[in-house]
């Protein structure tokens, strides 16, 4: 239902151009629902604010292909989710247009994803360690502080 356009679907474009060149009126037709797959197109669609929902596969390699789109979606205020495994060789899925009869389900899904991913972004992407210095750094800093104290006590 929501698949990328096939070669047969792309063949309709030259026919439309020929009709337009001959002067015949082009009959407006219903636009198909749009579902695109790829990292670069997903990035462009998010930056141009044309995507409605972003699905990111969890088991992609390298990991930057998971982290970058999620950070971009968070910064651009898009709803996104990370799915468990790849269904196809593609790594990133974008839903662009949805049929009118299907509008209710994606709206509920987007609301659920906003509460589960976008609103919890800081908790999901937290930094481990909490700015705690290691033992070598602690001893180095304490030596520097002792040296400063010694210099100031002499003056």
Protein backbone atom coordinates (compact mmCIF):
# COMPACT_ATOMS: atom_id res chain seq x y z
CA UNK A 1 0.00 0.00 0.00
CA UNK A 2 2.74 2.48 0.98
CA UNK A 3 5.58 1.46 -1.32
CA UNK A 4 8.11 3.45 -3.34
CA UNK A 5 7.01 4.13 -6.91
CA UNK A 6 7.81 1.27 -9.30
CA UNK A 7 9.26 1.54 -12.81
CA UNK A 8 5.76 1.22 -14.25
CA UNK A 9 4.60 4.08 -12.08
CA UNK A 10 7.50 6.22 -13.24
CA UNK A 11 6.60 5.55 -16.89
CA UNK A 12 3.46 7.67 -16.50
CA UNK A 13 5.55 10.84 -16.32
CA UNK A 14 6.65 10.99 -20.00
CA UNK A 15 3.04 10.34 -21.06
CA UNK A 16 1.87 13.32 -18.98
CA UNK A 17 4.58 15.50 -20.55
CA UNK A 18 3.51 14.48 -24.07
CA UNK A 19 -0.13 15.29 -23.29
CA UNK A 20 0.86 18.67 -21.92
CA UNK A 21 3.00 19.44 -24.99
CA UNK A 22 0.19 18.52 -27.38
CA UNK A 23 -2.16 20.91 -25.61
CA UNK A 24 -4.52 18.35 -24.09
CA UNK A 25 -5.64 19.10 -20.59
CA UNK A 26 -4.06 16.90 -17.98
CA UNK A 27 -6.72 15.18 -15.92
CA UNK A 28 -5.97 15.69 -12.24
CA UNK A 29 -5.70 12.40 -10.48
CA UNK A 30 -5.30 11.30 -6.92
CA UNK A 31 -1.70 11.38 -5.74
CA UNK A 32 -0.48 8.05 -4.48
CA UNK A 33 0.55 7.69 -0.88
CA UNK A 34 4.28 8.09 -0.51
CA UNK A 35 6.75 5.94 1.40
CA UNK A 36 10.46 6.62 0.85
CA UNK A 37 13.50 4.65 1.92
CA UNK A 38 17.11 5.91 2.35
CA UNK A 39 19.19 7.96 4.73
CA UNK A 40 20.01 10.87 2.42
CA UNK A 41 16.45 11.34 1.18
CA UNK A 42 15.20 11.09 4.75
CA UNK A 43 17.59 13.80 5.87
CA UNK A 44 16.51 16.07 3.01
CA UNK A 45 12.82 15.49 3.72
CA UNK A 46 13.22 16.23 7.42
CA UNK A 47 15.23 19.39 6.72
CA UNK A 48 12.57 20.54 4.23
CA UNK A 49 9.81 19.60 6.71
CA UNK A 50 8.03 17.31 4.26
CA UNK A 51 8.07 14.02 6.17
CA UNK A 52 5.31 13.07 8.59
CA UNK A 53 6.87 10.11 10.37
CA UNK A 54 10.40 8.68 10.49
CA UNK A 55 11.11 5.02 11.29
CA UNK A 56 14.74 4.11 12.05
CA UNK A 57 15.97 0.50 12.08
CA UNK A 58 17.85 -0.51 15.23
CA UNK A 59 20.32 -3.01 13.75
CA UNK A 60 22.04 -0.71 11.26
CA UNK A 61 25.78 -0.46 10.99
CA UNK A 62 27.45 2.03 11.63
CA UNK A 63 25.62 3.31 14.68
CA UNK A 64 25.81 6.90 13.44
CA UNK A 65 22.99 6.01 11.03
CA UNK A 66 20.76 5.59 14.09
CA UNK A 67 22.01 8.49 16.19
CA UNK A 68 22.10 11.19 13.50
CA UNK A 69 18.51 10.85 12.20
CA UNK A 70 17.10 10.67 15.73
CA UNK A 71 19.00 13.82 16.75
CA UNK A 72 17.93 15.59 13.56
CA UNK A 73 14.29 14.63 14.09
CA UNK A 74 14.47 15.83 17.68
CA UNK A 75 15.96 19.19 16.67
CA UNK A 76 13.42 19.66 13.87
CA UNK A 77 10.53 18.55 16.14
CA UNK A 78 9.57 15.52 14.01
CA UNK A 79 8.09 12.35 15.39
CA UNK A 80 10.35 9.34 14.96
CA UNK A 81 10.78 5.87 16.37
CA UNK A 82 13.44 3.20 16.37
CA UNK A 83 12.13 -0.18 15.20
CA UNK A 84 13.60 -3.50 16.27
CA UNK A 85 15.01 -4.86 13.02
CA UNK A 86 15.33 -4.15 9.34
CA UNK A 87 12.48 -5.42 7.19
CA UNK A 88 14.35 -4.65 3.98
CA UNK A 89 17.95 -3.68 3.20
CA UNK A 90 17.08 -0.02 3.68
CA UNK A 91 17.89 1.65 6.97
CA UNK A 92 15.52 4.60 7.22
CA UNK A 93 11.84 4.82 6.32
CA UNK A 94 9.84 7.98 5.81
CA UNK A 95 6.13 8.39 5.37
CA UNK A 96 5.43 11.48 3.28
CA UNK A 97 1.75 11.43 2.29
CA UNK A 98 -1.02 9.36 3.78
CA UNK A 99 -4.35 8.51 2.16
CA UNK A 100 -7.35 10.37 3.58
CA UNK A 101 -9.02 7.17 4.77
CA UNK A 102 -5.86 6.30 6.72
CA UNK A 103 -5.39 9.70 8.42
CA UNK A 104 -6.63 8.60 11.87
CA UNK A 105 -4.17 5.78 12.50
CA UNK A 106 -0.96 7.74 11.74
CA UNK A 107 -2.17 10.65 13.86
CA UNK A 108 -2.58 8.35 16.88
CA UNK A 109 0.78 6.75 16.13
CA UNK A 110 2.50 10.14 15.89
CA UNK A 111 1.03 11.20 19.26
CA UNK A 112 2.21 7.97 20.87
CA UNK A 113 5.68 8.34 19.39
CA UNK A 114 5.98 11.93 20.58
CA UNK A 115 5.31 10.84 24.16
CA UNK A 116 7.59 7.78 23.94
CA UNK A 117 10.54 9.20 21.97
CA UNK A 118 10.51 12.97 21.45
CA UNK A 119 9.46 13.94 24.98
CA UNK A 120 11.89 11.44 26.55
CA UNK A 121 14.85 12.38 24.34
CA UNK A 122 17.06 13.54 27.22
CA UNK A 123 16.43 10.33 29.16
CA UNK A 124 17.02 8.03 26.17
CA UNK A 125 20.20 9.78 24.99
CA UNK A 126 21.76 10.36 28.39
CA UNK A 127 25.51 10.46 28.91
CA UNK A 128 26.93 7.84 31.22
CA UNK A 129 29.37 8.84 33.92
CA UNK A 130 27.76 12.06 35.08
CA UNK A 131 30.94 14.20 34.81
CA UNK A 132 32.84 12.09 37.34
CA UNK A 133 36.59 12.34 36.91
CA UNK A 134 38.80 9.28 36.92
CA UNK A 135 41.48 8.65 39.58
CA UNK A 136 44.36 9.87 37.39
CA UNK A 137 42.57 13.14 36.63
CA UNK A 138 41.70 13.64 40.30
CA UNK A 139 45.35 13.20 41.40
CA UNK A 140 46.57 15.49 38.61
CA UNK A 141 44.12 18.24 39.57
CA UNK A 142 44.97 17.89 43.27
CA UNK A 143 48.70 18.25 42.46
CA UNK A 144 47.97 21.40 40.44
CA UNK A 145 45.90 22.87 43.28
CA UNK A 146 48.67 22.11 45.79
CA UNK A 147 51.21 23.80 43.52
CA UNK A 148 48.97 26.87 43.18
CA UNK A 149 48.47 27.02 46.94
CA UNK A 150 52.22 26.78 47.47
CA UNK A 151 52.88 29.64 45.00
CA UNK A 152 50.24 31.87 46.60
CA UNK A 153 51.50 31.12 50.12
CA UNK A 154 55.03 32.23 49.17
CA UNK A 155 53.82 35.57 47.80
